[in-house]
Amino acid sequence: MLRRRAKSVLLLFFLFNTVVGASSLSLDLRLIQMVPPESQVIASMHIPTPQGQPSSFLLITINNRIDLEDFYAVTGADASRLIHQVVFVAAADGDGRLSEHSLLVSGHFNRDAIFRFAESGNARTESYRGEAVLIVPPLARERSEFKHLRWLAILNSDIAIFGTEDSVQRELDRKIANSRPDRSLMERLSRLGRRDDAWCLLPAPPVGGAIASVLDKLDPRVAAVARDGGSMQYGVHFGRRVEITASANIAARESSNSATDQADAHLTPTHYLLGDSPRGGDGGTIAVVKISRRRYDEWLDKFSKGDITIVETLPH
């Protein structure tokens, strides 16, 4: 089991916007149960987003972004394809680098149509523990920079797994064993809002990390959570205003050598919701803030214009 900290990872704000209407869905535990406990970065969003809803933002690795783009390409021959929820996963390899990555997708998929079309190109079909898997080489458009061979598995026409061989094997193993969702993962999710349209779980950031600096431009109270020093999670819900729930995990902060010199003189986030607020759990910093859609859109616009970039190095 790979439980070491990731040495480094390139993180970015991934913007996603669609024009097809759909209602927000509840958490799909069929996907969550497959997430390996050693995963470092876990993020999720519902697709498509309701018409008129602002773009979501997720902190994911570049490999996760490539996986999503290629998943659309590889499954494009399926005219019946529907996507409800996507879970992005990134984990450390044997050297402690976040080179393992995958997507867990719920919806509807025609495996025969997808595999038949892919096999007409460079892909081939093999079997893993009785499940057919499509072995997908890097696509032509990315071969100069992206070298990862990936697996695609489609289970019962309503779940797809796409990612590196090791990641997909671990996720299939958990599915076949009917494993329960990881307890620590569920605890972290319980600290988010119940209506979140997108969420992200991150490991402890480095001292003075760029994540906090960028979140400062959105709301200093959210940035204060990132500066708390431990692992953190945040969720976004789109209503009349944009509601962001962010929380840090004090247990992770206390065990992280990278956070020992973090000052305690940070802003204490203000709680805006009562009753529906996330649980305090281990006592880490929690912020629940609401901002106008206009302010949120202006903040996102800085990324589309290239005014803000994120390159984040994580500790061992």
C-alpha atoms as a PDB file:
ATOM      1  CA  MET A   1       0.000   0.000   0.000  1.00  0.00           C
ATOM      2  CA  LEU A   2       1.430   3.344  -0.986  1.00  0.00           C
ATOM      3  CA  ARG A   3       0.997   5.683   1.983  1.00  0.00           C
ATOM      4  CA  ARG A   4       3.970   8.000   1.536  1.00  0.00           C
ATOM      5  CA  ARG A   5       3.539  11.695   0.948  1.00  0.00           C
ATOM      6  CA  ALA A   6       3.725  12.947  -2.611  1.00  0.00           C
ATOM      7  CA  LYS A   7       6.992  14.669  -3.458  1.00  0.00           C
ATOM      8  CA  SER A   8       5.562  17.096  -5.935  1.00  0.00           C
ATOM      9  CA  VAL A   9       2.573  17.772  -8.124  1.00  0.00           C
ATOM     10  CA  LEU A  10       1.523  20.434 -10.563  1.00  0.00           C
ATOM     11  CA  LEU A  11      -1.872  21.722  -9.509  1.00  0.00           C
ATOM     12  CA  LEU A  12      -4.150  23.906 -11.543  1.00  0.00           C
ATOM     13  CA  PHE A  13      -7.588  25.402 -11.362  1.00  0.00           C
ATOM     14  CA  PHE A  14      -9.630  23.308 -13.745  1.00  0.00           C
ATOM     15  CA  LEU A  15     -12.592  25.223 -15.114  1.00  0.00           C
ATOM     16  CA  PHE A  16     -15.576  23.355 -16.404  1.00  0.00           C
ATOM     17  CA  ASN A  17     -18.767  24.713 -17.908  1.00  0.00           C
ATOM     18  CA  THR A  18     -21.507  23.043 -19.933  1.00  0.00           C
ATOM     19  CA  VAL A  19     -24.778  24.236 -21.351  1.00  0.00           C
ATOM     20  CA  VAL A  20     -26.934  21.131 -20.883  1.00  0.00           C
ATOM     21  CA  GLY A  21     -29.259  21.295 -17.893  1.00  0.00           C
ATOM     22  CA  ALA A  22     -29.249  18.762 -15.053  1.00  0.00           C
ATOM     23  CA  SER A  23     -29.998  18.751 -11.362  1.00  0.00           C
ATOM     24  CA  SER A  24     -27.378  18.310  -8.672  1.00  0.00           C
ATOM     25  CA  LEU A  25     -26.892  14.677  -7.630  1.00  0.00           C
ATOM     26  CA  SER A  26     -26.120  13.157  -4.250  1.00  0.00           C
ATOM     27  CA  LEU A  27     -22.755  11.548  -3.554  1.00  0.00           C
ATOM     28  CA  ASP A  28     -22.392   8.274  -5.501  1.00  0.00           C
ATOM     29  CA  LEU A  29     -21.006   5.800  -2.977  1.00  0.00           C
ATOM     30  CA  ARG A  30     -20.376   3.283  -5.766  1.00  0.00           C
ATOM     31  CA  LEU A  31     -17.562   5.574  -6.908  1.00  0.00           C
ATOM     32  CA  ILE A  32     -16.366   6.535  -3.440  1.00  0.00           C
ATOM     33  CA  GLN A  33     -15.993   2.895  -2.372  1.00  0.00           C
ATOM     34  CA  MET A  34     -13.420   2.364  -5.143  1.00  0.00           C
ATOM     35  CA  VAL A  35     -11.149   5.241  -4.072  1.00  0.00           C
ATOM     36  CA  PRO A  36      -7.985   3.693  -2.566  1.00  0.00           C
ATOM     37  CA  PRO A  37      -7.195   4.885   0.996  1.00  0.00           C
ATOM     38  CA  GLU A  38      -3.694   5.979  -0.101  1.00  0.00           C
ATOM     39  CA  SER A  39      -5.019   8.532  -2.598  1.00  0.00           C
ATOM     40  CA  GLN A  40      -3.506  11.997  -2.166  1.00  0.00           C
ATOM     41  CA  VAL A  41      -5.783  14.200  -4.289  1.00  0.00           C
ATOM     42  CA  ILE A  42      -9.498  13.426  -4.696  1.00  0.00           C
ATOM     43  CA  ALA A  43     -11.970  15.740  -6.416  1.00  0.00           C
ATOM     44  CA  SER A  44     -15.467  15.435  -7.811  1.00  0.00           C
ATOM     45  CA  MET A  45     -18.051  17.267  -9.833  1.00  0.00           C
ATOM     46  CA  HIS A  46     -21.410  16.560 -11.390  1.00  0.00           C
ATOM     47  CA  ILE A  47     -21.723  16.705 -15.180  1.00  0.00           C
ATOM     48  CA  PRO A  48     -23.484  18.406 -16.799  1.00  0.00           C
ATOM     49  CA  THR A  49     -23.952  21.472 -14.676  1.00  0.00           C
ATOM     50  CA  PRO A  50     -27.309  23.254 -14.665  1.00  0.00           C
ATOM     51  CA  GLN A  51     -27.792  25.822 -17.398  1.00  0.00           C
ATOM     52  CA  GLY A  52     -26.735  29.272 -16.250  1.00  0.00           C
ATOM     53  CA  GLN A  53     -24.595  27.917 -13.407  1.00  0.00           C
ATOM     54  CA  PRO A  54     -21.078  29.387 -13.112  1.00  0.00           C
ATOM     55  CA  SER A  55     -18.034  27.297 -13.936  1.00  0.00           C
ATOM     56  CA  SER A  56     -16.796  24.993 -11.203  1.00  0.00           C
ATOM     57  CA  PHE A  57     -13.193  25.019 -10.064  1.00  0.00           C
ATOM     58  CA  LEU A  58     -11.183  22.015  -8.931  1.00  0.00           C
ATOM     59  CA  LEU A  59      -7.586  21.599  -7.868  1.00  0.00           C
ATOM     60  CA  ILE A  60      -6.396  18.537  -9.752  1.00  0.00           C
ATOM     61  CA  THR A  61      -3.226  17.330 -11.439  1.00  0.00           C
ATOM     62  CA  ILE A  62      -2.539  17.929 -15.103  1.00  0.00           C
ATOM     63  CA  ASN A  63      -2.723  14.163 -15.609  1.00  0.00           C
ATOM     64  CA  ASN A  64      -6.281  14.213 -14.241  1.00  0.00           C
ATOM     65  CA  ARG A  65      -7.199  16.889 -16.752  1.00  0.00           C
ATOM     66  CA  ILE A  66      -5.679  14.874 -19.593  1.00  0.00           C
ATOM     67  CA  ASP A  67      -7.563  11.783 -18.416  1.00  0.00           C
ATOM     68  CA  LEU A  68     -10.893  13.592 -18.651  1.00  0.00           C
ATOM     69  CA  GLU A  69     -10.157  14.984 -22.115  1.00  0.00           C
ATOM     70  CA  ASP A  70      -9.044  11.567 -23.348  1.00  0.00           C
ATOM     71  CA  PHE A  71     -11.982   9.792 -21.719  1.00  0.00           C
ATOM     72  CA  TYR A  72     -14.309  11.927 -23.805  1.00  0.00           C
ATOM     73  CA  ALA A  73     -12.286  11.094 -26.911  1.00  0.00           C
ATOM     74  CA  VAL A  74     -12.048   7.343 -26.263  1.00  0.00           C
ATOM     75  CA  THR A  75     -15.773   7.001 -25.466  1.00  0.00           C
ATOM     76  CA  GLY A  76     -16.895   9.397 -28.206  1.00  0.00           C
ATOM     77  CA  ALA A  77     -18.231   6.619 -30.421  1.00  0.00           C
ATOM     78  CA  ASP A  78     -20.913   5.829 -27.846  1.00  0.00           C
ATOM     79  CA  ALA A  79     -23.956   7.816 -28.953  1.00  0.00           C
ATOM     80  CA  SER A  80     -25.816   6.767 -25.788  1.00  0.00           C
ATOM     81  CA  ARG A  81     -23.124   8.024 -23.399  1.00  0.00           C
ATOM     82  CA  LEU A  82     -24.355   9.925 -20.356  1.00  0.00           C
ATOM     83  CA  ILE A  83     -22.101  11.234 -17.588  1.00  0.00           C
ATOM     84  CA  HIS A  84     -23.495  12.021 -14.141  1.00  0.00           C
ATOM     85  CA  GLN A  85     -20.553  12.323 -11.764  1.00  0.00           C
ATOM     86  CA  VAL A  86     -16.776  12.251 -12.123  1.00  0.00           C
ATOM     87  CA  VAL A  87     -14.307  11.545  -9.317  1.00  0.00           C
ATOM     88  CA  PHE A  88     -10.674  12.469 -10.015  1.00  0.00           C
ATOM     89  CA  VAL A  89      -8.011  10.505  -8.117  1.00  0.00           C
ATOM     90  CA  ALA A  90      -4.237  11.014  -7.885  1.00  0.00           C
ATOM     91  CA  ALA A  91      -1.886   8.832  -5.829  1.00  0.00           C
ATOM     92  CA  ALA A  92       1.814   8.379  -5.228  1.00  0.00           C
ATOM     93  CA  ASP A  93       3.898   5.806  -7.042  1.00  0.00           C
ATOM     94  CA  GLY A  94       6.772   3.817  -5.518  1.00  0.00           C
ATOM     95  CA  ASP A  95       8.997   6.909  -5.623  1.00  0.00           C
ATOM     96  CA  GLY A  96       6.442   9.068  -3.835  1.00  0.00           C
ATOM     97  CA  ARG A  97       5.443  11.070  -6.915  1.00  0.00           C
ATOM     98  CA  LEU A  98       1.838  11.685  -7.930  1.00  0.00           C
ATOM     99  CA  SER A  99       2.170   9.770 -11.187  1.00  0.00           C
ATOM    100  CA  GLU A 100      -0.802   7.450 -10.552  1.00  0.00           C
ATOM    101  CA  HIS A 101      -4.098   8.941 -11.692  1.00  0.00           C
ATOM    102  CA  SER A 102      -7.597   7.908 -12.680  1.00  0.00           C
ATOM    103  CA  LEU A 103     -11.215   8.888 -13.250  1.00  0.00           C
ATOM    104  CA  LEU A 104     -14.216   7.148 -11.684  1.00  0.00           C
ATOM    105  CA  VAL A 105     -17.329   7.986 -13.684  1.00  0.00           C
ATOM    106  CA  SER A 106     -21.011   7.198 -13.206  1.00  0.00           C
ATOM    107  CA  GLY A 107     -23.577   7.420 -15.995  1.00  0.00           C
ATOM    108  CA  HIS A 108     -24.429   5.183 -18.935  1.00  0.00           C
ATOM    109  CA  PHE A 109     -21.912   3.622 -21.323  1.00  0.00           C
ATOM    110  CA  ASN A 110     -22.130   1.165 -24.222  1.00  0.00           C
ATOM    111  CA  ARG A 111     -19.025  -0.928 -23.681  1.00  0.00           C
ATOM    112  CA  ASP A 112     -19.313  -2.851 -26.956  1.00  0.00           C
ATOM    113  CA  ALA A 113     -19.505   0.324 -29.040  1.00  0.00           C
ATOM    114  CA  ILE A 114     -16.630   1.982 -27.160  1.00  0.00           C
ATOM    115  CA  PHE A 115     -14.293  -1.023 -27.237  1.00  0.00           C
ATOM    116  CA  ARG A 116     -15.078  -1.873 -30.872  1.00  0.00           C
ATOM    117  CA  PHE A 117     -14.256   1.653 -32.026  1.00  0.00           C
ATOM    118  CA  ALA A 118     -11.084   1.873 -29.909  1.00  0.00           C
ATOM    119  CA  GLU A 119      -9.840  -1.504 -31.141  1.00  0.00           C
ATOM    120  CA  SER A 120     -10.043  -0.218 -34.713  1.00  0.00           C
ATOM    121  CA  GLY A 121      -7.197   2.094 -33.725  1.00  0.00           C
ATOM    122  CA  ASN A 122      -4.259   1.327 -31.433  1.00  0.00           C
ATOM    123  CA  ALA A 123      -6.136   0.037 -28.376  1.00  0.00           C
ATOM    124  CA  ARG A 124      -6.507  -3.639 -27.447  1.00  0.00           C
ATOM    125  CA  THR A 125      -8.681  -5.593 -25.010  1.00  0.00           C
ATOM    126  CA  GLU A 126      -7.390  -7.763 -22.162  1.00  0.00           C
ATOM    127  CA  SER A 127      -8.915  -9.249 -19.025  1.00  0.00           C
ATOM    128  CA  TYR A 128      -8.249  -8.483 -15.366  1.00  0.00           C
ATOM    129  CA  ARG A 129      -9.892 -10.685 -12.736  1.00  0.00           C
ATOM    130  CA  GLY A 130     -12.665 -11.530 -15.153  1.00  0.00           C
ATOM    131  CA  GLU A 131     -13.327  -7.914 -16.199  1.00  0.00           C
ATOM    132  CA  ALA A 132     -12.658  -6.783 -19.769  1.00  0.00           C
ATOM    133  CA  VAL A 133     -10.275  -3.829 -19.864  1.00  0.00           C
ATOM    134  CA  LEU A 134      -9.286  -1.689 -22.824  1.00  0.00           C
ATOM    135  CA  ILE A 135      -5.552  -0.925 -22.974  1.00  0.00           C
ATOM    136  CA  VAL A 136      -5.257   2.630 -24.314  1.00  0.00           C
ATOM    137  CA  PRO A 137      -1.872   4.026 -25.461  1.00  0.00           C
ATOM    138  CA  PRO A 138      -1.265   7.792 -25.413  1.00  0.00           C
ATOM    139  CA  LEU A 139      -3.334   9.583 -28.038  1.00  0.00           C
ATOM    140  CA  ALA A 140      -1.522  11.032 -31.057  1.00  0.00           C
ATOM    141  CA  ARG A 141      -2.133  14.623 -29.959  1.00  0.00           C
ATOM    142  CA  GLU A 142      -0.217  14.157 -26.690  1.00  0.00           C
ATOM    143  CA  ARG A 143       2.489  11.570 -27.342  1.00  0.00           C
ATOM    144  CA  SER A 144       5.297  14.125 -27.254  1.00  0.00           C
ATOM    145  CA  GLU A 145       4.506  15.023 -23.614  1.00  0.00           C
ATOM    146  CA  PHE A 146       2.258  12.293 -22.187  1.00  0.00           C
ATOM    147  CA  LYS A 147       3.610   8.730 -22.096  1.00  0.00           C
ATOM    148  CA  HIS A 148       1.206   6.908 -19.766  1.00  0.00           C
ATOM    149  CA  LEU A 149      -0.499   3.703 -20.872  1.00  0.00           C
ATOM    150  CA  ARG A 150      -4.012   3.633 -19.428  1.00  0.00           C
ATOM    151  CA  TRP A 151      -6.750   1.119 -18.792  1.00  0.00           C
ATOM    152  CA  LEU A 152     -10.477   1.590 -19.368  1.00  0.00           C
ATOM    153  CA  ALA A 153     -13.011  -0.649 -17.629  1.00  0.00           C
ATOM    154  CA  ILE A 154     -16.788  -0.346 -17.908  1.00  0.00           C
ATOM    155  CA  LEU A 155     -18.860  -2.096 -15.260  1.00  0.00           C
ATOM    156  CA  ASN A 156     -22.529  -2.969 -15.769  1.00  0.00           C
ATOM    157  CA  SER A 157     -22.931  -0.140 -18.308  1.00  0.00           C
ATOM    158  CA  ASP A 158     -23.156   2.494 -15.532  1.00  0.00           C
ATOM    159  CA  ILE A 159     -19.626   2.875 -14.136  1.00  0.00           C
ATOM    160  CA  ALA A 160     -16.401   3.609 -16.012  1.00  0.00           C
ATOM    161  CA  ILE A 161     -12.835   3.567 -14.671  1.00  0.00           C
ATOM    162  CA  PHE A 162     -10.066   5.177 -16.708  1.00  0.00           C
ATOM    163  CA  GLY A 163      -6.465   5.722 -15.625  1.00  0.00           C
ATOM    164  CA  THR A 164      -3.020   4.252 -15.139  1.00  0.00           C
ATOM    165  CA  GLU A 165      -2.729   0.481 -14.871  1.00  0.00           C
ATOM    166  CA  ASP A 166      -1.907   0.419 -11.158  1.00  0.00           C
ATOM    167  CA  SER A 167      -4.708   2.835 -10.280  1.00  0.00           C
ATOM    168  CA  VAL A 168      -7.376   0.961 -12.241  1.00  0.00           C
ATOM    169  CA  GLN A 169      -6.249  -2.378 -10.793  1.00  0.00           C
ATOM    170  CA  ARG A 170      -6.557  -1.073  -7.231  1.00  0.00           C
ATOM    171  CA  GLU A 171      -9.981   0.407  -7.941  1.00  0.00           C
ATOM    172  CA  LEU A 172     -11.212  -2.780  -9.618  1.00  0.00           C
ATOM    173  CA  ASP A 173      -9.912  -4.801  -6.676  1.00  0.00           C
ATOM    174  CA  ARG A 174     -11.961  -2.677  -4.298  1.00  0.00           C
ATOM    175  CA  LYS A 175     -15.049  -2.989  -6.486  1.00  0.00           C
ATOM    176  CA  ILE A 176     -14.735  -6.762  -6.817  1.00  0.00           C
ATOM    177  CA  ALA A 177     -14.200  -7.098  -3.061  1.00  0.00           C
ATOM    178  CA  ASN A 178     -17.195  -4.802  -2.447  1.00  0.00           C
ATOM    179  CA  SER A 179     -14.992  -2.734  -0.132  1.00  0.00           C
ATOM    180  CA  ARG A 180     -16.586  -0.129   2.069  1.00  0.00           C
ATOM    181  CA  PRO A 181     -15.659   3.511   1.449  1.00  0.00           C
ATOM    182  CA  ASP A 182     -12.504   4.493   3.295  1.00  0.00           C
ATOM    183  CA  ARG A 183     -13.407   5.733   6.772  1.00  0.00           C
ATOM    184  CA  SER A 184     -11.043   8.711   6.758  1.00  0.00           C
ATOM    185  CA  LEU A 185     -12.333   9.756   3.324  1.00  0.00           C
ATOM    186  CA  MET A 186     -15.933   9.692   4.547  1.00  0.00           C
ATOM    187  CA  GLU A 187     -14.959  11.681   7.638  1.00  0.00           C
ATOM    188  CA  ARG A 188     -13.415  14.402   5.489  1.00  0.00           C
ATOM    189  CA  LEU A 189     -16.444  14.492   3.213  1.00  0.00           C
ATOM    190  CA  SER A 190     -18.678  14.886   6.262  1.00  0.00           C
ATOM    191  CA  ARG A 191     -16.982  18.198   6.955  1.00  0.00           C
ATOM    192  CA  LEU A 192     -18.254  19.703   3.712  1.00  0.00           C
ATOM    193  CA  GLY A 193     -21.634  21.144   2.840  1.00  0.00           C
ATOM    194  CA  ARG A 194     -24.442  18.720   2.051  1.00  0.00           C
ATOM    195  CA  ARG A 195     -25.387  20.419  -1.220  1.00  0.00           C
ATOM    196  CA  ASP A 196     -21.967  20.870  -2.813  1.00  0.00           C
ATOM    197  CA  ASP A 197     -21.889  20.673  -6.611  1.00  0.00           C
ATOM    198  CA  ALA A 198     -18.106  20.166  -6.660  1.00  0.00           C
ATOM    199  CA  TRP A 199     -15.545  19.304  -3.986  1.00  0.00           C
ATOM    200  CA  CYS A 200     -11.857  18.610  -3.569  1.00  0.00           C
ATOM    201  CA  LEU A 201      -9.685  16.895  -0.923  1.00  0.00           C
ATOM    202  CA  LEU A 202      -6.037  17.958  -0.811  1.00  0.00           C
ATOM    203  CA  PRO A 203      -2.931  16.931   1.151  1.00  0.00           C
ATOM    204  CA  ALA A 204      -1.073  19.395   3.354  1.00  0.00           C
ATOM    205  CA  PRO A 205       0.261  22.333   1.281  1.00  0.00           C
ATOM    206  CA  PRO A 206       3.781  23.705   1.674  1.00  0.00           C
ATOM    207  CA  VAL A 207       4.570  26.736   3.792  1.00  0.00           C
ATOM    208  CA  GLY A 208       3.473  29.916   2.014  1.00  0.00           C
ATOM    209  CA  GLY A 209       1.873  27.889  -0.756  1.00  0.00           C
ATOM    210  CA  ALA A 210       0.438  29.451  -3.861  1.00  0.00           C
ATOM    211  CA  ILE A 211      -2.969  27.922  -3.184  1.00  0.00           C
ATOM    212  CA  ALA A 212      -3.582  30.204  -0.215  1.00  0.00           C
ATOM    213  CA  SER A 213      -2.367  33.237  -2.154  1.00  0.00           C
ATOM    214  CA  VAL A 214      -4.857  32.614  -4.941  1.00  0.00           C
ATOM    215  CA  LEU A 215      -7.724  31.881  -2.549  1.00  0.00           C
ATOM    216  CA  ASP A 216      -6.956  35.209  -0.863  1.00  0.00           C
ATOM    217  CA  LYS A 217      -8.156  36.900  -4.032  1.00  0.00           C
ATOM    218  CA  LEU A 218     -11.501  35.136  -3.623  1.00  0.00           C
ATOM    219  CA  ASP A 219     -11.980  35.453   0.139  1.00  0.00           C
ATOM    220  CA  PRO A 220      -9.317  35.688   2.896  1.00  0.00           C
ATOM    221  CA  ARG A 221     -11.365  33.413   5.140  1.00  0.00           C
ATOM    222  CA  VAL A 222     -11.068  30.553   2.666  1.00  0.00           C
ATOM    223  CA  ALA A 223      -7.350  31.228   2.259  1.00  0.00           C
ATOM    224  CA  ALA A 224      -6.951  31.024   6.042  1.00  0.00           C
ATOM    225  CA  VAL A 225      -8.010  27.383   5.895  1.00  0.00           C
ATOM    226  CA  ALA A 226      -5.303  26.632   3.313  1.00  0.00           C
ATOM    227  CA  ARG A 227      -2.764  28.282   5.600  1.00  0.00           C
ATOM    228  CA  ASP A 228      -3.812  26.146   8.550  1.00  0.00           C
ATOM    229  CA  GLY A 229      -1.038  23.747   7.602  1.00  0.00           C
ATOM    230  CA  GLY A 230      -2.847  20.406   7.430  1.00  0.00           C
ATOM    231  CA  SER A 231      -4.692  18.592   4.716  1.00  0.00           C
ATOM    232  CA  MET A 232      -7.825  20.405   3.640  1.00  0.00           C
ATOM    233  CA  GLN A 233     -11.071  19.951   1.765  1.00  0.00           C
ATOM    234  CA  TYR A 234     -13.415  22.406   0.112  1.00  0.00           C
ATOM    235  CA  GLY A 235     -16.769  22.257  -1.626  1.00  0.00           C
ATOM    236  CA  VAL A 236     -18.732  24.662  -3.822  1.00  0.00           C
ATOM    237  CA  HIS A 237     -22.510  25.000  -4.042  1.00  0.00           C
ATOM    238  CA  PHE A 238     -24.243  27.233  -6.574  1.00  0.00           C
ATOM    239  CA  GLY A 239     -27.450  28.859  -5.406  1.00  0.00           C
ATOM    240  CA  ARG A 240     -28.485  32.492  -5.626  1.00  0.00           C
ATOM    241  CA  ARG A 241     -24.994  33.075  -4.299  1.00  0.00           C
ATOM    242  CA  VAL A 242     -21.889  30.888  -4.483  1.00  0.00           C
ATOM    243  CA  GLU A 243     -21.364  29.072  -1.194  1.00  0.00           C
ATOM    244  CA  ILE A 244     -17.881  27.718  -0.421  1.00  0.00           C
ATOM    245  CA  THR A 245     -17.205  25.357   2.480  1.00  0.00           C
ATOM    246  CA  ALA A 246     -13.552  24.794   3.369  1.00  0.00           C
ATOM    247  CA  SER A 247     -12.011  22.996   6.331  1.00  0.00           C
ATOM    248  CA  ALA A 248      -8.564  21.952   7.522  1.00  0.00           C
ATOM    249  CA  ASN A 249      -7.666  18.815   9.435  1.00  0.00           C
ATOM    250  CA  ILE A 250      -5.765  19.531  12.618  1.00  0.00           C
ATOM    251  CA  ALA A 251      -4.571  15.959  13.055  1.00  0.00           C
ATOM    252  CA  ALA A 252      -2.810  16.116   9.710  1.00  0.00           C
ATOM    253  CA  ARG A 253      -1.378  19.516  10.599  1.00  0.00           C
ATOM    254  CA  GLU A 254       0.157  18.250  13.822  1.00  0.00           C
ATOM    255  CA  SER A 255       1.841  15.325  12.049  1.00  0.00           C
ATOM    256  CA  SER A 256       3.180  17.373   9.151  1.00  0.00           C
ATOM    257  CA  ASN A 257       6.787  18.537   9.481  1.00  0.00           C
ATOM    258  CA  SER A 258       6.183  21.129   6.798  1.00  0.00           C
ATOM    259  CA  ALA A 259       3.734  22.974   9.020  1.00  0.00           C
ATOM    260  CA  THR A 260       5.708  23.303  12.257  1.00  0.00           C
ATOM    261  CA  ASP A 261       6.624  26.900  11.572  1.00  0.00           C
ATOM    262  CA  GLN A 262       3.104  27.961  10.605  1.00  0.00           C
ATOM    263  CA  ALA A 263       2.040  30.982  12.631  1.00  0.00           C
ATOM    264  CA  ASP A 264      -1.220  30.855  14.554  1.00  0.00           C
ATOM    265  CA  ALA A 265      -1.996  34.472  13.736  1.00  0.00           C
ATOM    266  CA  HIS A 266      -4.315  33.659  10.852  1.00  0.00           C
ATOM    267  CA  LEU A 267      -7.810  34.935  10.362  1.00  0.00           C
ATOM    268  CA  THR A 268     -10.416  32.753  11.994  1.00  0.00           C
ATOM    269  CA  PRO A 269     -13.048  32.105   9.318  1.00  0.00           C
ATOM    270  CA  THR A 270     -16.574  33.235  10.045  1.00  0.00           C
ATOM    271  CA  HIS A 271     -19.368  30.663  10.032  1.00  0.00           C
ATOM    272  CA  TYR A 272     -22.262  31.866   7.904  1.00  0.00           C
ATOM    273  CA  LEU A 273     -24.598  28.884   8.158  1.00  0.00           C
ATOM    274  CA  LEU A 274     -26.404  27.361  11.113  1.00  0.00           C
ATOM    275  CA  GLY A 275     -27.846  23.887  11.305  1.00  0.00           C
ATOM    276  CA  ASP A 276     -26.544  22.820   7.903  1.00  0.00           C
ATOM    277  CA  SER A 277     -22.939  23.651   8.761  1.00  0.00           C
ATOM    278  CA  PRO A 278     -20.299  20.927   8.399  1.00  0.00           C
ATOM    279  CA  ARG A 279     -19.100  19.146  11.512  1.00  0.00           C
ATOM    280  CA  GLY A 280     -16.056  20.483  13.298  1.00  0.00           C
ATOM    281  CA  GLY A 281     -14.607  16.982  13.537  1.00  0.00           C
ATOM    282  CA  ASP A 282     -10.994  17.135  14.712  1.00  0.00           C
ATOM    283  CA  GLY A 283     -11.054  20.853  15.482  1.00  0.00           C
ATOM    284  CA  GLY A 284      -9.414  22.189  12.333  1.00  0.00           C
ATOM    285  CA  THR A 285     -10.291  25.562  10.880  1.00  0.00           C
ATOM    286  CA  ILE A 286     -13.643  25.728   9.079  1.00  0.00           C
ATOM    287  CA  ALA A 287     -14.980  28.443   6.813  1.00  0.00           C
ATOM    288  CA  VAL A 288     -18.427  28.639   5.256  1.00  0.00           C
ATOM    289  CA  VAL A 289     -18.699  31.776   3.145  1.00  0.00           C
ATOM    290  CA  LYS A 290     -21.095  33.146   0.554  1.00  0.00           C
ATOM    291  CA  ILE A 291     -20.102  35.452  -2.255  1.00  0.00           C
ATOM    292  CA  SER A 292     -21.992  36.914  -5.175  1.00  0.00           C
ATOM    293  CA  ARG A 293     -21.881  35.185  -8.526  1.00  0.00           C
ATOM    294  CA  ARG A 294     -20.453  38.331 -10.036  1.00  0.00           C
ATOM    295  CA  ARG A 295     -17.492  38.318  -7.669  1.00  0.00           C
ATOM    296  CA  TYR A 296     -16.967  34.597  -8.244  1.00  0.00           C
ATOM    297  CA  ASP A 297     -17.094  34.992 -12.036  1.00  0.00           C
ATOM    298  CA  GLU A 298     -14.619  37.882 -11.884  1.00  0.00           C
ATOM    299  CA  TRP A 299     -12.259  35.693  -9.861  1.00  0.00           C
ATOM    300  CA  LEU A 300     -12.527  32.838 -12.371  1.00  0.00           C
ATOM    301  CA  ASP A 301     -12.020  35.272 -15.233  1.00  0.00           C
ATOM    302  CA  LYS A 302      -8.482  35.893 -14.011  1.00  0.00           C
ATOM    303  CA  PHE A 303      -7.661  32.288 -14.882  1.00  0.00           C
ATOM    304  CA  SER A 304      -9.203  32.361 -18.341  1.00  0.00           C
ATOM    305  CA  LYS A 305      -7.107  35.455 -19.061  1.00  0.00           C
ATOM    306  CA  GLY A 306      -3.971  33.827 -17.712  1.00  0.00           C
ATOM    307  CA  ASP A 307      -3.571  36.382 -14.916  1.00  0.00           C
ATOM    308  CA  ILE A 308      -3.118  33.618 -12.320  1.00  0.00           C
ATOM    309  CA  THR A 309      -1.221  30.343 -12.601  1.00  0.00           C
ATOM    310  CA  ILE A 310      -0.700  27.650  -9.997  1.00  0.00           C
ATOM    311  CA  VAL A 311       2.463  25.623  -9.547  1.00  0.00           C
ATOM    312  CA  GLU A 312       2.467  23.955  -6.158  1.00  0.00           C
ATOM    313  CA  THR A 313       5.168  21.740  -4.636  1.00  0.00           C
ATOM    314  CA  LEU A 314       4.001  19.414  -1.901  1.00  0.00           C
ATOM    315  CA  PRO A 315       6.151  18.085   0.961  1.00  0.00           C
ATOM    316  CA  HIS A 316       7.323  14.474   1.398  1.00  0.00           C
END
